[in-house]
N, C-alpha and C. Protein backbone atom coordinates (compact mmCIF):
# COMPACT_ATOMS: atom_id res chain seq x y z
N MET A 1 11.07 -16.23 16.63
CA MET A 1 10.57 -17.59 15.56
C MET A 1 10.02 -17.34 14.07
N MET A 2 9.20 -16.47 14.27
CA MET A 2 8.46 -15.99 13.50
C MET A 2 9.27 -14.87 12.25
N SER A 3 10.14 -14.08 12.91
CA SER A 3 10.84 -13.93 12.17
C SER A 3 12.14 -14.82 11.20
N SER A 4 12.18 -15.72 11.86
CA SER A 4 13.28 -16.56 11.55
C SER A 4 12.73 -17.06 10.13
N LEU A 5 11.40 -17.39 10.53
CA LEU A 5 10.56 -18.13 9.25
C LEU A 5 10.38 -17.28 8.02
N TRP A 6 9.95 -15.85 8.28
CA TRP A 6 9.79 -15.12 7.27
C TRP A 6 11.39 -14.80 6.38
N SER A 7 12.39 -14.90 6.88
CA SER A 7 13.68 -14.71 6.71
C SER A 7 14.20 -16.09 5.70
N ASP A 8 13.88 -17.25 5.90
CA ASP A 8 13.55 -18.76 5.28
C ASP A 8 12.89 -18.47 3.77
N ILE A 9 11.38 -17.90 4.35
CA ILE A 9 10.58 -18.04 3.02
C ILE A 9 11.35 -16.89 2.18
N ALA A 10 11.76 -15.67 2.41
CA ALA A 10 12.12 -14.53 1.49
C ALA A 10 13.27 -15.34 0.78
N GLU A 11 14.28 -16.43 1.45
CA GLU A 11 15.56 -16.60 0.67
C GLU A 11 15.13 -17.57 -0.01
N LEU A 12 13.82 -18.80 0.03
CA LEU A 12 13.42 -19.75 -0.66
C LEU A 12 12.84 -18.91 -2.08
N THR A 13 12.16 -17.79 -1.63
CA THR A 13 11.55 -16.52 -2.68
C THR A 13 12.42 -16.37 -3.73
N ASN A 14 13.76 -15.95 -3.11
CA ASN A 14 14.78 -15.15 -3.76
C ASN A 14 15.23 -16.37 -4.72
N HIS A 15 15.76 -17.74 -3.91
CA HIS A 15 16.15 -18.67 -4.81
C HIS A 15 15.41 -19.51 -5.85
N LEU A 16 14.26 -18.94 -6.20
CA LEU A 16 13.23 -19.53 -7.13
C LEU A 16 13.05 -18.00 -8.28
N GLY A 17 13.76 -17.02 -7.86
CA GLY A 17 13.86 -15.89 -8.47
C GLY A 17 12.86 -14.69 -8.58
N LEU A 18 11.95 -15.08 -7.55
CA LEU A 18 10.52 -14.39 -7.31
C LEU A 18 10.34 -13.25 -6.13
N ALA A 19 11.75 -13.22 -5.46
CA ALA A 19 11.77 -12.26 -4.69
C ALA A 19 11.94 -10.76 -5.23
N TRP A 20 11.02 -9.47 -4.05
CA TRP A 20 11.29 -8.39 -4.79
C TRP A 20 12.72 -7.68 -4.11
N TRP A 21 13.23 -6.73 -5.09
CA TRP A 21 14.22 -6.24 -4.83
C TRP A 21 14.15 -4.70 -5.13
N VAL A 22 14.74 -3.88 -4.39
CA VAL A 22 14.85 -2.44 -4.68
C VAL A 22 16.48 -2.36 -5.77
N GLU A 23 16.48 -1.55 -6.83
CA GLU A 23 17.75 -1.72 -7.49
C GLU A 23 17.93 0.14 -7.38
N ILE A 24 18.86 0.56 -7.24
CA ILE A 24 19.01 1.97 -6.92
C ILE A 24 20.57 2.16 -7.80
N LYS A 25 20.36 3.39 -8.45
CA LYS A 25 21.28 3.37 -9.43
C LYS A 25 21.93 4.92 -9.55
N THR A 26 23.48 5.52 -9.08
CA THR A 26 23.58 6.50 -9.26
C THR A 26 24.67 6.98 -9.78
N SER A 27 24.64 8.44 -10.04
CA SER A 27 25.65 8.73 -11.17
C SER A 27 27.07 9.21 -10.75
N PHE A 28 26.79 9.37 -9.45
CA PHE A 28 27.95 9.79 -8.13
C PHE A 28 27.91 8.93 -6.91
N PRO A 29 28.52 7.98 -6.51
CA PRO A 29 29.84 7.32 -7.43
C PRO A 29 28.84 6.50 -8.65
N THR A 30 29.10 6.01 -9.40
CA THR A 30 28.75 5.23 -10.78
C THR A 30 28.85 3.99 -10.20
N CYS A 31 27.32 3.84 -9.11
CA CYS A 31 27.06 2.71 -8.67
C CYS A 31 25.57 1.74 -9.10
N THR A 32 25.82 0.71 -8.75
CA THR A 32 24.09 0.20 -8.84
C THR A 32 24.38 -0.80 -7.54
N TYR A 33 23.04 -0.25 -6.67
CA TYR A 33 22.85 -1.21 -5.84
C TYR A 33 21.76 -1.87 -5.63
N PHE A 34 21.70 -2.99 -5.30
CA PHE A 34 20.75 -3.80 -4.79
C PHE A 34 20.05 -3.94 -3.29
N PHE A 35 18.91 -3.94 -3.06
CA PHE A 35 18.54 -4.36 -1.39
C PHE A 35 17.26 -5.26 -1.61
N GLY A 36 17.45 -5.73 -0.56
CA GLY A 36 16.30 -7.18 -0.67
C GLY A 36 16.94 -8.27 0.11
N PRO A 37 16.11 -9.50 -0.10
CA PRO A 37 15.28 -9.96 -0.76
C PRO A 37 13.93 -9.44 0.20
N PHE A 38 12.67 -9.32 -0.75
CA PHE A 38 10.89 -8.93 -0.15
C PHE A 38 10.14 -10.24 -0.36
N LEU A 39 9.33 -10.38 0.42
CA LEU A 39 8.44 -11.10 -0.03
C LEU A 39 7.39 -10.45 -0.82
N ARG A 40 6.94 -9.01 -0.42
CA ARG A 40 5.92 -8.40 -1.14
C ARG A 40 6.58 -6.82 -1.92
N ARG A 41 5.81 -6.80 -2.75
CA ARG A 41 6.20 -5.32 -3.40
C ARG A 41 6.09 -4.59 -2.35
N LYS A 42 5.16 -3.99 -1.62
CA LYS A 42 5.08 -3.01 -0.85
C LYS A 42 5.93 -2.88 -0.02
N GLN A 43 6.47 -4.43 0.85
CA GLN A 43 7.77 -4.17 1.54
C GLN A 43 8.90 -3.62 1.41
N ALA A 44 9.06 -3.89 -0.50
CA ALA A 44 10.39 -3.05 -0.87
C ALA A 44 10.01 -1.28 -0.97
N GLU A 45 8.98 -1.12 -1.39
CA GLU A 45 8.28 0.01 -1.67
C GLU A 45 8.67 0.90 -0.30
N SER A 46 8.17 0.36 0.93
CA SER A 46 8.10 1.12 2.44
C SER A 46 9.85 1.40 2.80
N ALA A 47 10.72 0.42 1.91
CA ALA A 47 12.28 0.46 2.37
C ALA A 47 12.77 1.34 1.63
N VAL A 48 12.46 1.69 0.29
CA VAL A 48 13.14 2.55 -0.71
C VAL A 48 13.27 3.98 0.11
N SER A 49 12.56 4.77 0.87
CA SER A 49 13.25 6.18 1.11
C SER A 49 14.29 5.93 2.20
N GLY A 50 14.32 4.79 2.68
CA GLY A 50 15.20 4.70 4.04
C GLY A 50 16.34 4.48 3.08
N TYR A 51 16.74 3.64 2.16
CA TYR A 51 17.93 3.62 1.08
C TYR A 51 18.57 4.90 0.66
N VAL A 52 17.46 5.70 0.12
CA VAL A 52 17.74 6.70 -0.73
C VAL A 52 17.74 8.22 0.38
N GLU A 53 17.60 7.72 1.50
CA GLU A 53 18.26 8.86 2.61
C GLU A 53 19.60 8.49 2.92
N ASP A 54 20.06 7.42 2.89
CA ASP A 54 21.37 7.30 3.64
C ASP A 54 22.09 7.19 2.33
N LEU A 55 21.65 7.06 0.78
CA LEU A 55 22.73 7.61 -0.35
C LEU A 55 22.91 9.11 -0.44
N LYS A 56 22.21 9.61 0.21
CA LYS A 56 22.26 10.95 0.21
C LYS A 56 22.88 11.44 1.17
N ALA A 57 22.95 10.86 2.23
CA ALA A 57 23.82 11.32 3.39
C ALA A 57 25.39 10.97 2.94
N GLU A 58 25.67 10.14 2.06
CA GLU A 58 26.75 9.61 1.72
C GLU A 58 26.80 10.64 0.11
N GLN A 59 26.33 11.47 -0.17
CA GLN A 59 26.09 12.56 -0.81
C GLN A 59 26.45 11.95 -2.46
N ALA A 60 25.82 10.75 -2.48
CA ALA A 60 25.42 10.14 -3.62
C ALA A 60 24.45 11.27 -4.56
N LYS A 61 24.51 10.89 -5.94
CA LYS A 61 23.67 12.21 -7.17
C LYS A 61 23.31 11.03 -8.24
N ASN A 62 22.06 11.83 -8.33
CA ASN A 62 21.33 11.30 -9.46
C ASN A 62 20.66 9.88 -9.07
N ILE A 63 19.91 9.66 -8.13
CA ILE A 63 19.56 8.76 -7.54
C ILE A 63 18.70 7.99 -8.36
N VAL A 64 18.22 7.14 -9.10
CA VAL A 64 17.38 6.38 -9.20
C VAL A 64 17.02 5.22 -8.95
N THR A 65 15.62 4.94 -8.55
CA THR A 65 15.32 3.23 -7.70
C THR A 65 14.55 2.68 -8.80
N HIS A 66 13.93 1.82 -8.39
CA HIS A 66 13.75 0.77 -9.45
C HIS A 66 13.44 -0.44 -8.57
N ILE A 67 11.84 -1.10 -8.59
CA ILE A 67 11.58 -2.13 -7.64
C ILE A 67 11.09 -3.16 -8.65
N GLN A 68 11.81 -4.53 -8.59
CA GLN A 68 11.51 -5.66 -9.45
C GLN A 68 11.66 -6.78 -8.99
N ARG A 69 10.84 -7.82 -9.88
CA ARG A 69 11.36 -9.42 -8.85
C ARG A 69 12.58 -9.14 -9.90
N CYS A 70 13.76 -10.08 -9.29
CA CYS A 70 15.00 -10.37 -9.90
C CYS A 70 15.49 -11.67 -8.86
N LYS A 71 16.76 -11.70 -9.46
CA LYS A 71 17.72 -12.56 -8.42
C LYS A 71 19.23 -11.97 -8.89
N PRO A 72 19.49 -10.47 -8.31
CA PRO A 72 20.80 -10.35 -8.67
C PRO A 72 21.94 -10.90 -8.16
N THR A 73 23.34 -11.25 -8.79
CA THR A 73 24.26 -12.23 -8.47
C THR A 73 25.30 -11.17 -7.61
N GLN A 74 24.76 -9.56 -7.78
CA GLN A 74 25.75 -8.83 -6.82
C GLN A 74 25.08 -7.68 -6.10
N LEU A 75 25.45 -7.63 -5.34
CA LEU A 75 24.30 -6.24 -4.29
C LEU A 75 24.71 -5.39 -4.81
N THR A 76 26.27 -4.56 -4.84
CA THR A 76 26.98 -3.64 -5.23
C THR A 76 28.08 -3.76 -6.27
N ASN A 77 27.46 -2.91 -7.41
CA ASN A 77 28.47 -2.92 -8.61
C ASN A 77 29.02 -1.30 -8.72
N CYS A 78 29.92 -1.29 -8.43
CA CYS A 78 30.80 0.38 -8.47
C CYS A 78 31.75 0.59 -9.85
N HIS A 79 31.42 1.39 -10.62
CA HIS A 79 32.51 1.50 -11.68
C HIS A 79 33.50 3.03 -11.00
N LEU A 80 34.69 3.25 -10.70
CA LEU A 80 35.44 4.15 -10.25
C LEU A 80 35.97 4.66 -11.73
N ASP A 81 36.15 5.97 -11.38
CA ASP A 81 36.89 7.09 -11.94
C ASP A 81 38.23 7.79 -11.34
N ASP A 82 38.86 8.53 -11.79
CA ASP A 82 39.91 9.12 -11.06
C ASP A 82 38.92 10.20 -10.16
N SER A 83 38.00 10.69 -10.30
CA SER A 83 37.03 11.81 -9.26
C SER A 83 36.27 10.77 -8.25
N GLN A 84 36.30 9.58 -8.35
CA GLN A 84 35.62 8.72 -7.07
C GLN A 84 36.82 8.26 -6.65
N SER A 85 36.66 8.22 -5.21
CA SER A 85 37.10 7.65 -4.13
C SER A 85 36.35 6.43 -3.40
N VAL A 86 37.29 5.25 -3.24
CA VAL A 86 36.63 4.11 -2.19
C VAL A 86 35.80 4.75 -1.25
N GLU A 87 36.54 5.82 -0.50
CA GLU A 87 35.66 6.01 1.15
C GLU A 87 34.15 6.64 0.84
N ARG A 88 33.81 7.37 -0.52
CA ARG A 88 32.21 7.57 -0.88
C ARG A 88 31.39 6.50 -1.09
N LEU A 89 32.18 4.89 -1.26
CA LEU A 89 31.38 4.17 -1.46
C LEU A 89 30.96 3.46 -0.11
N GLU A 90 31.43 3.67 0.90
CA GLU A 90 30.90 2.91 2.22
C GLU A 90 30.05 3.72 2.79
N LEU A 91 28.79 2.94 3.09
CA LEU A 91 27.68 2.91 3.82
C LEU A 91 27.64 2.38 4.98
N GLN A 92 27.09 3.15 6.00
CA GLN A 92 26.94 2.91 7.28
C GLN A 92 25.54 1.92 7.06
N GLY A 93 25.85 0.91 7.47
CA GLY A 93 24.77 -0.42 7.70
C GLY A 93 24.24 -0.39 8.89
């Protein structure tokens, strides 16, 4: 019950553009990922290492993280070139 309440509050906060999100950019594949929403910045900070570990396991290169309040319209945005395959973009959830 409490988990559902927090989820509802996070969604409302996100709707208002006040939620915290983890933005991660990689150069290979050339992608921007958003993870969230989080009610508190500290929650987002605690989650970053897990997301980075997952991307490293997928052999992502030049991983840069940024925590911010925003309202992303797309959770994953990738630009593929001839050297990047779609298979490299699939992350285990």
